[in-house]
Amino acid sequence: MTGLVETYRGVVYPWHCDHMGHMNVMWYVGKFDEATWNLFAEMGITADYLKKNERGMAAVQQNITYKRELLVGTTVAVRSAFLEVREKVARFVHEMRNAQTGEISAICVLTGVSMDSKTRKSVPFTGDIIERAKQLVRAYEIPK
């Protein structure tokens, strides 16, 4: 799909693999998490922003579809986009591919909520953050 932004690039190391010989699910989640923070930075949600504004983000839903195994030495690339941005909620997608073959390895759809880091209650995104995120909204259908 065109229009997705590259948010992560890395490699599968031997310690990422389980007794089945492929990258374990915990590492998919970790790489998707790194991609999330890069995508958030594109909308203006950086560590500095969070600290200065006493804000945080809470993941409230995560769905992963596994398509192909990733083995030791494989270079992976994650491309991402927002699917929807509302007052307090951002829903987004990450598509992890084998960087050499281009094959989709996994797709992750997440929902995150903006929150006040002191009260732990949801709060609206600022207008500039919503506007930047909306520029990264794409239609996306999970490939079969």
C-alpha atoms as a PDB file:
ATOM      1  CA  MET A   1       0.000   0.000   0.000  1.00  0.00           C
ATOM      2  CA  THR A   2       1.254   3.453  -0.817  1.00  0.00           C
ATOM      3  CA  GLY A   3       1.138   6.303   1.614  1.00  0.00           C
ATOM      4  CA  LEU A   4       2.470   4.466   4.641  1.00  0.00           C
ATOM      5  CA  VAL A   5       5.431   6.076   6.434  1.00  0.00           C
ATOM      6  CA  GLU A   6       8.490   3.999   7.342  1.00  0.00           C
ATOM      7  CA  THR A   7       8.618   3.980  11.137  1.00  0.00           C
ATOM      8  CA  TYR A   8      11.073   1.163  11.892  1.00  0.00           C
ATOM      9  CA  ARG A   9      13.884  -0.770  10.254  1.00  0.00           C
ATOM     10  CA  GLY A  10      15.856  -3.507  11.946  1.00  0.00           C
ATOM     11  CA  VAL A  11      17.043  -7.078  11.816  1.00  0.00           C
ATOM     12  CA  VAL A  12      16.075 -10.391  13.385  1.00  0.00           C
ATOM     13  CA  TYR A  13      18.848 -11.511  15.754  1.00  0.00           C
ATOM     14  CA  PRO A  14      19.296 -15.059  17.068  1.00  0.00           C
ATOM     15  CA  TRP A  15      18.009 -14.064  20.534  1.00  0.00           C
ATOM     16  CA  HIS A  16      14.736 -12.906  18.922  1.00  0.00           C
ATOM     17  CA  CYS A  17      13.994 -16.485  17.876  1.00  0.00           C
ATOM     18  CA  ASP A  18      12.249 -19.211  19.826  1.00  0.00           C
ATOM     19  CA  HIS A  19      12.598 -23.000  19.837  1.00  0.00           C
ATOM     20  CA  MET A  20      10.613 -23.077  16.564  1.00  0.00           C
ATOM     21  CA  GLY A  21      13.438 -21.185  14.835  1.00  0.00           C
ATOM     22  CA  HIS A  22      11.511 -18.025  13.966  1.00  0.00           C
ATOM     23  CA  MET A  23      11.118 -14.626  15.595  1.00  0.00           C
ATOM     24  CA  ASN A  24       9.011 -14.971  18.726  1.00  0.00           C
ATOM     25  CA  VAL A  25       5.787 -12.954  19.074  1.00  0.00           C
ATOM     26  CA  MET A  26       7.238 -10.852  21.902  1.00  0.00           C
ATOM     27  CA  TRP A  27       9.720  -9.341  19.443  1.00  0.00           C
ATOM     28  CA  TYR A  28       7.031  -8.502  16.885  1.00  0.00           C
ATOM     29  CA  VAL A  29       5.287  -6.541  19.631  1.00  0.00           C
ATOM     30  CA  GLY A  30       8.540  -4.803  20.578  1.00  0.00           C
ATOM     31  CA  LYS A  31       9.302  -3.758  17.018  1.00  0.00           C
ATOM     32  CA  PHE A  32       5.717  -2.548  16.552  1.00  0.00           C
ATOM     33  CA  ASP A  33       6.096  -0.538  19.781  1.00  0.00           C
ATOM     34  CA  GLU A  34       9.213   1.190  18.429  1.00  0.00           C
ATOM     35  CA  ALA A  35       7.319   1.938  15.210  1.00  0.00           C
ATOM     36  CA  THR A  36       4.482   3.412  17.281  1.00  0.00           C
ATOM     37  CA  TRP A  37       6.730   5.980  18.945  1.00  0.00           C
ATOM     38  CA  ASN A  38       8.184   6.980  15.576  1.00  0.00           C
ATOM     39  CA  LEU A  39       4.658   7.399  14.169  1.00  0.00           C
ATOM     40  CA  PHE A  40       3.630   9.428  17.232  1.00  0.00           C
ATOM     41  CA  ALA A  41       6.671  11.676  16.723  1.00  0.00           C
ATOM     42  CA  GLU A  42       5.328  12.442  13.223  1.00  0.00           C
ATOM     43  CA  MET A  43       2.162  13.839  14.838  1.00  0.00           C
ATOM     44  CA  GLY A  44       4.125  15.758  17.478  1.00  0.00           C
ATOM     45  CA  ILE A  45       3.884  13.340  20.393  1.00  0.00           C
ATOM     46  CA  THR A  46       7.517  13.090  21.467  1.00  0.00           C
ATOM     47  CA  ALA A  47       9.066  12.317  24.858  1.00  0.00           C
ATOM     48  CA  ASP A  48       9.685  16.046  25.311  1.00  0.00           C
ATOM     49  CA  TYR A  49       6.046  16.900  24.498  1.00  0.00           C
ATOM     50  CA  LEU A  50       4.756  14.267  26.931  1.00  0.00           C
ATOM     51  CA  LYS A  51       6.977  15.465  29.764  1.00  0.00           C
ATOM     52  CA  LYS A  52       6.354  19.206  29.271  1.00  0.00           C
ATOM     53  CA  ASN A  53       2.579  18.767  28.995  1.00  0.00           C
ATOM     54  CA  GLU A  54       2.112  16.015  31.609  1.00  0.00           C
ATOM     55  CA  ARG A  55       0.618  13.775  28.956  1.00  0.00           C
ATOM     56  CA  GLY A  56       0.826  10.104  28.149  1.00  0.00           C
ATOM     57  CA  MET A  57      -0.566   7.566  25.725  1.00  0.00           C
ATOM     58  CA  ALA A  58      -2.346   4.360  26.697  1.00  0.00           C
ATOM     59  CA  ALA A  59      -2.781   1.432  24.341  1.00  0.00           C
ATOM     60  CA  VAL A  60      -6.314   0.095  24.796  1.00  0.00           C
ATOM     61  CA  GLN A  61      -6.502  -2.442  21.966  1.00  0.00           C
ATOM     62  CA  GLN A  62      -3.982  -4.289  19.808  1.00  0.00           C
ATOM     63  CA  ASN A  63      -4.692  -6.853  17.105  1.00  0.00           C
ATOM     64  CA  ILE A  64      -1.886  -8.644  15.258  1.00  0.00           C
ATOM     65  CA  THR A  65      -2.228 -10.758  12.134  1.00  0.00           C
ATOM     66  CA  TYR A  66       0.790 -12.978  11.453  1.00  0.00           C
ATOM     67  CA  LYS A  67       1.361 -13.742   7.754  1.00  0.00           C
ATOM     68  CA  ARG A  68       4.922 -15.082   7.287  1.00  0.00           C
ATOM     69  CA  GLU A  69       7.734 -16.215   9.544  1.00  0.00           C
ATOM     70  CA  LEU A  70      10.804 -14.071  10.067  1.00  0.00           C
ATOM     71  CA  LEU A  71      14.113 -15.893  10.495  1.00  0.00           C
ATOM     72  CA  VAL A  72      17.556 -14.954  11.851  1.00  0.00           C
ATOM     73  CA  GLY A  73      19.290 -12.338   9.721  1.00  0.00           C
ATOM     74  CA  THR A  74      16.144 -11.062   8.023  1.00  0.00           C
ATOM     75  CA  THR A  75      15.968  -7.302   7.679  1.00  0.00           C
ATOM     76  CA  VAL A  76      12.504  -6.007   8.525  1.00  0.00           C
ATOM     77  CA  ALA A  77      10.809  -2.720   7.745  1.00  0.00           C
ATOM     78  CA  VAL A  78       7.643  -1.384   9.346  1.00  0.00           C
ATOM     79  CA  ARG A  79       5.473   1.160   7.566  1.00  0.00           C
ATOM     80  CA  SER A  80       2.611   2.843   9.369  1.00  0.00           C
ATOM     81  CA  ALA A  81      -0.356   5.192   9.090  1.00  0.00           C
ATOM     82  CA  PHE A  82      -3.236   6.468  11.142  1.00  0.00           C
ATOM     83  CA  LEU A  83      -6.600   4.929  10.301  1.00  0.00           C
ATOM     84  CA  GLU A  84      -8.640   7.339  12.380  1.00  0.00           C
ATOM     85  CA  VAL A  85      -7.975  10.280  14.708  1.00  0.00           C
ATOM     86  CA  ARG A  86     -10.653  11.544  17.063  1.00  0.00           C
ATOM     87  CA  GLU A  87     -10.616  14.011  19.965  1.00  0.00           C
ATOM     88  CA  LYS A  88      -8.868  11.643  22.413  1.00  0.00           C
ATOM     89  CA  VAL A  89      -8.281   8.501  20.325  1.00  0.00           C
ATOM     90  CA  ALA A  90      -5.903   7.472  17.561  1.00  0.00           C
ATOM     91  CA  ARG A  91      -6.277   4.189  15.685  1.00  0.00           C
ATOM     92  CA  PHE A  92      -3.326   3.190  13.527  1.00  0.00           C
ATOM     93  CA  VAL A  93      -1.787   0.360  11.546  1.00  0.00           C
ATOM     94  CA  HIS A  94       1.731  -1.058  11.236  1.00  0.00           C
ATOM     95  CA  GLU A  95       2.692  -3.292   8.347  1.00  0.00           C
ATOM     96  CA  MET A  96       5.876  -5.332   8.939  1.00  0.00           C
ATOM     97  CA  ARG A  97       7.602  -6.623   5.825  1.00  0.00           C
ATOM     98  CA  ASN A  98      10.640  -8.683   4.991  1.00  0.00           C
ATOM     99  CA  ALA A  99      12.769  -5.858   3.586  1.00  0.00           C
ATOM    100  CA  GLN A 100      14.470  -8.124   1.023  1.00  0.00           C
ATOM    101  CA  THR A 101      11.395  -9.845  -0.429  1.00  0.00           C
ATOM    102  CA  GLY A 102       8.738  -7.231   0.309  1.00  0.00           C
ATOM    103  CA  GLU A 103       6.445  -9.927   1.724  1.00  0.00           C
ATOM    104  CA  ILE A 104       4.169  -8.913   4.576  1.00  0.00           C
ATOM    105  CA  SER A 105       5.175 -10.701   7.779  1.00  0.00           C
ATOM    106  CA  ALA A 106       2.662  -9.193  10.195  1.00  0.00           C
ATOM    107  CA  ILE A 107       0.077  -6.443  10.492  1.00  0.00           C
ATOM    108  CA  CYS A 108      -0.761  -4.718  13.756  1.00  0.00           C
ATOM    109  CA  VAL A 109      -3.761  -2.460  14.337  1.00  0.00           C
ATOM    110  CA  LEU A 110      -3.714  -0.468  17.578  1.00  0.00           C
ATOM    111  CA  THR A 111      -5.946   1.979  19.381  1.00  0.00           C
ATOM    112  CA  GLY A 112      -4.326   4.520  21.675  1.00  0.00           C
ATOM    113  CA  VAL A 113      -5.864   7.111  23.996  1.00  0.00           C
ATOM    114  CA  SER A 114      -4.397  10.471  25.001  1.00  0.00           C
ATOM    115  CA  MET A 115      -4.182  10.808  28.767  1.00  0.00           C
ATOM    116  CA  ASP A 116      -3.177  13.142  31.573  1.00  0.00           C
ATOM    117  CA  SER A 117      -0.152  11.494  33.188  1.00  0.00           C
ATOM    118  CA  LYS A 118      -1.050  12.790  36.663  1.00  0.00           C
ATOM    119  CA  THR A 119      -4.779  12.021  36.824  1.00  0.00           C
ATOM    120  CA  ARG A 120      -4.562   8.967  34.517  1.00  0.00           C
ATOM    121  CA  LYS A 121      -7.727  10.152  32.760  1.00  0.00           C
ATOM    122  CA  SER A 122      -8.246  10.611  29.024  1.00  0.00           C
ATOM    123  CA  VAL A 123      -7.780  14.125  27.643  1.00  0.00           C
ATOM    124  CA  PRO A 124      -8.126  15.624  24.146  1.00  0.00           C
ATOM    125  CA  PHE A 125      -5.196  15.893  21.764  1.00  0.00           C
ATOM    126  CA  THR A 126      -4.227  19.477  20.977  1.00  0.00           C
ATOM    127  CA  GLY A 127      -5.469  20.883  17.674  1.00  0.00           C
ATOM    128  CA  ASP A 128      -2.020  20.930  16.054  1.00  0.00           C
ATOM    129  CA  ILE A 129      -1.440  17.279  16.943  1.00  0.00           C
ATOM    130  CA  ILE A 130      -4.806  16.258  15.507  1.00  0.00           C
ATOM    131  CA  GLU A 131      -4.066  18.187  12.298  1.00  0.00           C
ATOM    132  CA  ARG A 132      -0.642  16.548  11.828  1.00  0.00           C
ATOM    133  CA  ALA A 133      -2.105  13.100  12.505  1.00  0.00           C
ATOM    134  CA  LYS A 134      -4.980  13.652  10.072  1.00  0.00           C
ATOM    135  CA  GLN A 135      -2.410  14.299   7.332  1.00  0.00           C
ATOM    136  CA  LEU A 136      -1.181  10.738   7.963  1.00  0.00           C
ATOM    137  CA  VAL A 137      -4.625   9.076   7.896  1.00  0.00           C
ATOM    138  CA  ARG A 138      -4.918   6.416   5.191  1.00  0.00           C
ATOM    139  CA  ALA A 139      -7.577   3.920   4.197  1.00  0.00           C
ATOM    140  CA  TYR A 140      -6.265   0.420   4.846  1.00  0.00           C
ATOM    141  CA  GLU A 141      -7.657  -3.061   4.359  1.00  0.00           C
ATOM    142  CA  ILE A 142      -5.818  -6.017   5.877  1.00  0.00           C
ATOM    143  CA  PRO A 143      -4.632  -8.204   2.973  1.00  0.00           C
ATOM    144  CA  LYS A 144      -5.986 -11.750   2.892  1.00  0.00           C
END
